[in-house]
C-alpha atoms as a PDB file:
ATOM      1  CA  UNK A   1       8.603   1.848 -50.561  1.00  0.00           C
ATOM      2  CA  UNK A   2       7.352   2.149 -46.986  1.00  0.00           C
ATOM      3  CA  UNK A   3       9.654   3.839 -44.533  1.00  0.00           C
ATOM      4  CA  UNK A   4      10.225   2.348 -41.123  1.00  0.00           C
ATOM      5  CA  UNK A   5       9.170   4.533 -38.264  1.00  0.00           C
ATOM      6  CA  UNK A   6      11.742   5.246 -35.591  1.00  0.00           C
ATOM      7  CA  UNK A   7      11.438   3.117 -32.442  1.00  0.00           C
ATOM      8  CA  UNK A   8       9.355   4.758 -29.762  1.00  0.00           C
ATOM      9  CA  UNK A   9      11.840   5.157 -26.912  1.00  0.00           C
ATOM     10  CA  UNK A  10       9.146   6.129 -24.409  1.00  0.00           C
ATOM     11  CA  UNK A  11       7.215   2.911 -25.066  1.00  0.00           C
ATOM     12  CA  UNK A  12      10.409   0.887 -24.827  1.00  0.00           C
ATOM     13  CA  UNK A  13      11.294   2.584 -21.545  1.00  0.00           C
ATOM     14  CA  UNK A  14       7.826   1.904 -20.149  1.00  0.00           C
ATOM     15  CA  UNK A  15       8.068  -1.780 -21.137  1.00  0.00           C
ATOM     16  CA  UNK A  16      11.453  -2.013 -19.430  1.00  0.00           C
ATOM     17  CA  UNK A  17      10.142  -0.249 -16.342  1.00  0.00           C
ATOM     18  CA  UNK A  18       7.167  -2.609 -16.110  1.00  0.00           C
ATOM     19  CA  UNK A  19       9.445  -5.637 -16.585  1.00  0.00           C
ATOM     20  CA  UNK A  20      11.717  -4.365 -13.801  1.00  0.00           C
ATOM     21  CA  UNK A  21       8.754  -3.845 -11.470  1.00  0.00           C
ATOM     22  CA  UNK A  22       7.404  -7.330 -12.176  1.00  0.00           C
ATOM     23  CA  UNK A  23      10.840  -8.858 -11.667  1.00  0.00           C
ATOM     24  CA  UNK A  24      11.415  -7.064  -8.360  1.00  0.00           C
ATOM     25  CA  UNK A  25       8.032  -8.051  -6.942  1.00  0.00           C
ATOM     26  CA  UNK A  26       8.384 -11.671  -8.066  1.00  0.00           C
ATOM     27  CA  UNK A  27      11.949 -12.083  -6.863  1.00  0.00           C
ATOM     28  CA  UNK A  28      11.397 -10.615  -3.414  1.00  0.00           C
ATOM     29  CA  UNK A  29       8.730 -13.262  -2.933  1.00  0.00           C
ATOM     30  CA  UNK A  30      11.041 -16.019  -4.139  1.00  0.00           C
ATOM     31  CA  UNK A  31      14.330 -15.141  -2.437  1.00  0.00           C
ATOM     32  CA  UNK A  32      13.456 -12.546   0.210  1.00  0.00           C
ATOM     33  CA  UNK A  33      14.724  -9.004   0.565  1.00  0.00           C
ATOM     34  CA  UNK A  34      18.195  -9.891   1.850  1.00  0.00           C
ATOM     35  CA  UNK A  35      18.997 -11.943  -1.250  1.00  0.00           C
ATOM     36  CA  UNK A  36      17.304  -9.565  -3.664  1.00  0.00           C
ATOM     37  CA  UNK A  37      19.900  -7.849  -5.877  1.00  0.00           C
ATOM     38  CA  UNK A  38      19.936  -5.330  -8.694  1.00  0.00           C
ATOM     39  CA  UNK A  39      21.718  -7.938 -10.817  1.00  0.00           C
ATOM     40  CA  UNK A  40      18.985 -10.483 -10.146  1.00  0.00           C
ATOM     41  CA  UNK A  41      16.248  -8.001 -10.989  1.00  0.00           C
ATOM     42  CA  UNK A  42      18.024  -7.011 -14.209  1.00  0.00           C
ATOM     43  CA  UNK A  43      18.491 -10.624 -15.257  1.00  0.00           C
ATOM     44  CA  UNK A  44      14.851 -11.529 -14.584  1.00  0.00           C
ATOM     45  CA  UNK A  45      13.616  -8.379 -16.358  1.00  0.00           C
ATOM     46  CA  UNK A  46      15.891  -8.890 -19.369  1.00  0.00           C
ATOM     47  CA  UNK A  47      17.599  -5.517 -19.037  1.00  0.00           C
ATOM     48  CA  UNK A  48      21.105  -4.378 -18.208  1.00  0.00           C
ATOM     49  CA  UNK A  49      21.782  -3.417 -14.600  1.00  0.00           C
ATOM     50  CA  UNK A  50      22.932  -0.034 -15.893  1.00  0.00           C
ATOM     51  CA  UNK A  51      19.331   0.561 -16.978  1.00  0.00           C
ATOM     52  CA  UNK A  52      18.164   0.032 -13.419  1.00  0.00           C
ATOM     53  CA  UNK A  53      20.869   2.208 -11.909  1.00  0.00           C
ATOM     54  CA  UNK A  54      19.957   4.966 -14.354  1.00  0.00           C
ATOM     55  CA  UNK A  55      16.491   5.144 -12.789  1.00  0.00           C
ATOM     56  CA  UNK A  56      17.005   3.971  -9.193  1.00  0.00           C
ATOM     57  CA  UNK A  57      19.851   4.224  -6.674  1.00  0.00           C
ATOM     58  CA  UNK A  58      19.124   0.978  -4.816  1.00  0.00           C
ATOM     59  CA  UNK A  59      17.063  -2.195  -4.708  1.00  0.00           C
ATOM     60  CA  UNK A  60      14.888  -0.617  -2.015  1.00  0.00           C
ATOM     61  CA  UNK A  61      14.036   2.251  -4.351  1.00  0.00           C
ATOM     62  CA  UNK A  62      13.138  -0.183  -7.140  1.00  0.00           C
ATOM     63  CA  UNK A  63      10.940  -2.225  -4.840  1.00  0.00           C
ATOM     64  CA  UNK A  64       9.223   0.851  -3.432  1.00  0.00           C
ATOM     65  CA  UNK A  65       8.362   2.169  -6.898  1.00  0.00           C
ATOM     66  CA  UNK A  66       7.166  -1.269  -7.990  1.00  0.00           C
ATOM     67  CA  UNK A  67       4.988  -1.699  -4.937  1.00  0.00           C
ATOM     68  CA  UNK A  68       3.443   1.774  -5.030  1.00  0.00           C
ATOM     69  CA  UNK A  69       2.875   1.898  -8.792  1.00  0.00           C
ATOM     70  CA  UNK A  70      -0.917   1.618  -8.397  1.00  0.00           C
ATOM     71  CA  UNK A  71      -1.377   3.992  -5.476  1.00  0.00           C
ATOM     72  CA  UNK A  72      -2.661   6.880  -7.579  1.00  0.00           C
ATOM     73  CA  UNK A  73      -5.482   4.723  -8.957  1.00  0.00           C
ATOM     74  CA  UNK A  74      -6.400   3.571  -5.463  1.00  0.00           C
ATOM     75  CA  UNK A  75      -6.297   7.114  -4.115  1.00  0.00           C
ATOM     76  CA  UNK A  76      -8.633   8.356  -6.850  1.00  0.00           C
ATOM     77  CA  UNK A  77     -11.370   5.853  -5.927  1.00  0.00           C
ATOM     78  CA  UNK A  78     -11.753   6.778  -2.283  1.00  0.00           C
ATOM     79  CA  UNK A  79     -13.671   4.690   0.242  1.00  0.00           C
ATOM     80  CA  UNK A  80     -17.282   3.702  -0.434  1.00  0.00           C
ATOM     81  CA  UNK A  81     -19.964   5.920   1.054  1.00  0.00           C
ATOM     82  CA  UNK A  82     -23.280   4.088   1.302  1.00  0.00           C
ATOM     83  CA  UNK A  83     -24.462   6.156   4.248  1.00  0.00           C
ATOM     84  CA  UNK A  84     -23.563   3.371   6.686  1.00  0.00           C
ATOM     85  CA  UNK A  85     -20.068   4.106   8.002  1.00  0.00           C
ATOM     86  CA  UNK A  86     -19.602   0.856   9.928  1.00  0.00           C
ATOM     87  CA  UNK A  87     -20.624  -1.256   6.936  1.00  0.00           C
ATOM     88  CA  UNK A  88     -18.330   0.712   4.629  1.00  0.00           C
ATOM     89  CA  UNK A  89     -15.352   0.364   6.989  1.00  0.00           C
ATOM     90  CA  UNK A  90     -15.931  -3.371   7.389  1.00  0.00           C
ATOM     91  CA  UNK A  91     -16.177  -3.805   3.626  1.00  0.00           C
ATOM     92  CA  UNK A  92     -12.889  -1.997   2.985  1.00  0.00           C
ATOM     93  CA  UNK A  93     -10.979  -3.562   5.888  1.00  0.00           C
ATOM     94  CA  UNK A  94     -12.142  -7.044   4.895  1.00  0.00           C
ATOM     95  CA  UNK A  95     -10.799  -6.430   1.387  1.00  0.00           C
ATOM     96  CA  UNK A  96      -7.594  -5.079   2.925  1.00  0.00           C
ATOM     97  CA  UNK A  97      -7.275  -8.213   5.061  1.00  0.00           C
ATOM     98  CA  UNK A  98      -7.589 -10.331   1.917  1.00  0.00           C
ATOM     99  CA  UNK A  99      -4.837  -8.259   0.303  1.00  0.00           C
ATOM    100  CA  UNK A 100      -2.520  -8.456   3.317  1.00  0.00           C
ATOM    101  CA  UNK A 101      -3.040 -12.229   3.502  1.00  0.00           C
ATOM    102  CA  UNK A 102      -1.972 -12.620  -0.141  1.00  0.00           C
ATOM    103  CA  UNK A 103       1.653 -13.891  -0.281  1.00  0.00           C
ATOM    104  CA  UNK A 104       2.318 -11.781  -3.386  1.00  0.00           C
ATOM    105  CA  UNK A 105       1.467  -8.660  -1.370  1.00  0.00           C
ATOM    106  CA  UNK A 106       3.095  -9.754   1.877  1.00  0.00           C
ATOM    107  CA  UNK A 107       6.615 -10.282   0.562  1.00  0.00           C
ATOM    108  CA  UNK A 108       7.307  -6.773  -0.791  1.00  0.00           C
ATOM    109  CA  UNK A 109       5.400  -5.003   1.979  1.00  0.00           C
ATOM    110  CA  UNK A 110       7.244  -6.849   4.760  1.00  0.00           C
ATOM    111  CA  UNK A 111      10.546  -6.309   2.941  1.00  0.00           C
ATOM    112  CA  UNK A 112       9.967  -2.567   2.725  1.00  0.00           C
ATOM    113  CA  UNK A 113       8.823  -2.374   6.347  1.00  0.00           C
ATOM    114  CA  UNK A 114      11.952  -4.200   7.503  1.00  0.00           C
ATOM    115  CA  UNK A 115      14.244  -2.108   5.312  1.00  0.00           C
ATOM    116  CA  UNK A 116      12.541   1.089   6.451  1.00  0.00           C
ATOM    117  CA  UNK A 117      13.225   0.261  10.086  1.00  0.00           C
ATOM    118  CA  UNK A 118      16.919   0.845   9.379  1.00  0.00           C
ATOM    119  CA  UNK A 119      16.590   3.483   6.660  1.00  0.00           C
ATOM    120  CA  UNK A 120      14.863   6.698   7.743  1.00  0.00           C
ATOM    121  CA  UNK A 121      14.677   8.145   4.235  1.00  0.00           C
ATOM    122  CA  UNK A 122      13.112   4.978   2.831  1.00  0.00           C
ATOM    123  CA  UNK A 123      10.639   4.883   5.720  1.00  0.00           C
ATOM    124  CA  UNK A 124       9.595   8.493   5.200  1.00  0.00           C
ATOM    125  CA  UNK A 125       9.165   7.908   1.472  1.00  0.00           C
ATOM    126  CA  UNK A 126       7.136   4.749   2.116  1.00  0.00           C
ATOM    127  CA  UNK A 127       4.855   6.628   4.514  1.00  0.00           C
ATOM    128  CA  UNK A 128       4.440   9.559   2.123  1.00  0.00           C
ATOM    129  CA  UNK A 129       3.677   7.434  -0.918  1.00  0.00           C
ATOM    130  CA  UNK A 130       1.726   4.522   0.538  1.00  0.00           C
ATOM    131  CA  UNK A 131       0.718   4.790   4.188  1.00  0.00           C
ATOM    132  CA  UNK A 132      -0.347   8.431   4.203  1.00  0.00           C
ATOM    133  CA  UNK A 133      -2.540   8.294   1.063  1.00  0.00           C
ATOM    134  CA  UNK A 134      -4.315   5.274   2.528  1.00  0.00           C
ATOM    135  CA  UNK A 135      -4.834   6.956   5.896  1.00  0.00           C
ATOM    136  CA  UNK A 136      -6.126  10.077   4.160  1.00  0.00           C
ATOM    137  CA  UNK A 137      -8.904   8.038   2.512  1.00  0.00           C
ATOM    138  CA  UNK A 138     -10.121   6.941   5.938  1.00  0.00           C
ATOM    139  CA  UNK A 139      -9.869  10.475   7.289  1.00  0.00           C
ATOM    140  CA  UNK A 140     -11.962  11.763   4.384  1.00  0.00           C
ATOM    141  CA  UNK A 141     -14.618   9.074   4.871  1.00  0.00           C
ATOM    142  CA  UNK A 142     -14.770   9.699   8.623  1.00  0.00           C
ATOM    143  CA  UNK A 143     -15.066  13.446   8.057  1.00  0.00           C
ATOM    144  CA  UNK A 144     -17.967  12.855   5.662  1.00  0.00           C
ATOM    145  CA  UNK A 145     -19.652  10.720   8.344  1.00  0.00           C
ATOM    146  CA  UNK A 146     -19.015  13.475  10.864  1.00  0.00           C
ATOM    147  CA  UNK A 147     -20.811  15.942   8.612  1.00  0.00           C
ATOM    148  CA  UNK A 148     -23.873  13.667   8.430  1.00  0.00           C
ATOM    149  CA  UNK A 149     -23.939  13.101  12.189  1.00  0.00           C
ATOM    150  CA  UNK A 150     -22.717   9.492  12.256  1.00  0.00           C
ATOM    151  CA  UNK A 151     -19.523  10.575  14.022  1.00  0.00           C
ATOM    152  CA  UNK A 152     -19.435  12.951  16.989  1.00  0.00           C
ATOM    153  CA  UNK A 153     -18.640  16.533  16.047  1.00  0.00           C
ATOM    154  CA  UNK A 154     -15.724  16.774  18.487  1.00  0.00           C
ATOM    155  CA  UNK A 155     -13.961  13.667  17.118  1.00  0.00           C
ATOM    156  CA  UNK A 156     -10.410  14.049  15.837  1.00  0.00           C
ATOM    157  CA  UNK A 157     -10.913  12.108  12.615  1.00  0.00           C
ATOM    158  CA  UNK A 158      -7.180  11.649  12.052  1.00  0.00           C
ATOM    159  CA  UNK A 159      -6.807   9.880  15.373  1.00  0.00           C
ATOM    160  CA  UNK A 160      -9.997   7.919  14.659  1.00  0.00           C
ATOM    161  CA  UNK A 161      -8.478   6.665  11.393  1.00  0.00           C
ATOM    162  CA  UNK A 162      -5.337   5.614  13.245  1.00  0.00           C
ATOM    163  CA  UNK A 163      -7.487   3.813  15.843  1.00  0.00           C
ATOM    164  CA  UNK A 164      -8.715   1.616  12.990  1.00  0.00           C
ATOM    165  CA  UNK A 165      -5.510   1.168  11.045  1.00  0.00           C
ATOM    166  CA  UNK A 166      -2.881   0.841  13.766  1.00  0.00           C
ATOM    167  CA  UNK A 167      -4.229  -2.339  15.433  1.00  0.00           C
ATOM    168  CA  UNK A 168      -4.696  -3.846  11.969  1.00  0.00           C
ATOM    169  CA  UNK A 169      -1.099  -3.086  10.972  1.00  0.00           C
ATOM    170  CA  UNK A 170       0.323  -4.125  14.329  1.00  0.00           C
ATOM    171  CA  UNK A 171      -1.388  -7.516  14.209  1.00  0.00           C
ATOM    172  CA  UNK A 172      -0.102  -8.124  10.693  1.00  0.00           C
ATOM    173  CA  UNK A 173       3.447  -6.842  11.095  1.00  0.00           C
ATOM    174  CA  UNK A 174       4.087  -8.490  14.453  1.00  0.00           C
ATOM    175  CA  UNK A 175       2.052 -11.609  13.632  1.00  0.00           C
ATOM    176  CA  UNK A 176       0.201 -11.353  16.944  1.00  0.00           C
ATOM    177  CA  UNK A 177      -2.915 -12.862  15.390  1.00  0.00           C
ATOM    178  CA  UNK A 178      -4.684 -13.648  12.143  1.00  0.00           C
ATOM    179  CA  UNK A 179      -6.271 -10.966   9.986  1.00  0.00           C
ATOM    180  CA  UNK A 180      -9.775 -12.422   9.834  1.00  0.00           C
ATOM    181  CA  UNK A 181     -13.151 -10.934   9.003  1.00  0.00           C
ATOM    182  CA  UNK A 182     -14.194 -11.474  12.633  1.00  0.00           C
ATOM    183  CA  UNK A 183     -11.206  -9.431  13.803  1.00  0.00           C
ATOM    184  CA  UNK A 184     -11.955  -6.641  11.323  1.00  0.00           C
ATOM    185  CA  UNK A 185     -15.643  -6.512  12.231  1.00  0.00           C
ATOM    186  CA  UNK A 186     -14.900  -6.442  15.960  1.00  0.00           C
ATOM    187  CA  UNK A 187     -12.297  -3.719  15.458  1.00  0.00           C
ATOM    188  CA  UNK A 188     -14.766  -1.536  13.571  1.00  0.00           C
ATOM    189  CA  UNK A 189     -17.556  -2.148  16.102  1.00  0.00           C
ATOM    190  CA  UNK A 190     -15.364  -1.208  19.057  1.00  0.00           C
ATOM    191  CA  UNK A 191     -13.962   1.912  17.393  1.00  0.00           C
ATOM    192  CA  UNK A 192     -17.453   2.992  16.330  1.00  0.00           C
ATOM    193  CA  UNK A 193     -18.653   2.839  19.948  1.00  0.00           C
ATOM    194  CA  UNK A 194     -16.238   5.641  20.720  1.00  0.00           C
ATOM    195  CA  UNK A 195     -17.040   7.691  17.619  1.00  0.00           C
ATOM    196  CA  UNK A 196     -20.828   7.843  17.687  1.00  0.00           C
ATOM    197  CA  UNK A 197     -22.475  11.006  19.038  1.00  0.00           C
ATOM    198  CA  UNK A 198     -23.527  10.892  22.681  1.00  0.00           C
ATOM    199  CA  UNK A 199     -27.177  11.476  23.524  1.00  0.00           C
END
């Protein structure tokens, strides 16, 4: 007679965690951050709210973990390096514009940005886990271009990365304009004028 194997608690926990992440990301898009609740997430995920509270102290913490779940994969890829810095930056920022224009991405990101404005700890965690890894990829790509002579040797590559990313983020967060390919290309072209070596 075959014996039943014991349930794999780690697999069950991972299924529950994934269901909670999916529920949080879906619900914040449907009802907004203000109406998002632990109870609602638990109900949508098919778990008890005690399960959520065992892993996270607040809805903001759940949403942050859900939203940043894929950051490690993204960080491992790095930015493309074809030898043409401007083309590589335009390629990545165009893809980023597509992502930021996706309603499924917008809802949790805007919710976390708004919550972080009034919660210093959440904001610092958001920067450390999402914003900073992304900025670091640009810094690394700019430093590589500096080593090949595409970027002036005296350039502060951290500030150069922020020159690219800050106008992009500002336009999106404050809704001062559309995130279009034309905007991205113009942004890269203007920043590159200041980064290229002088004759």
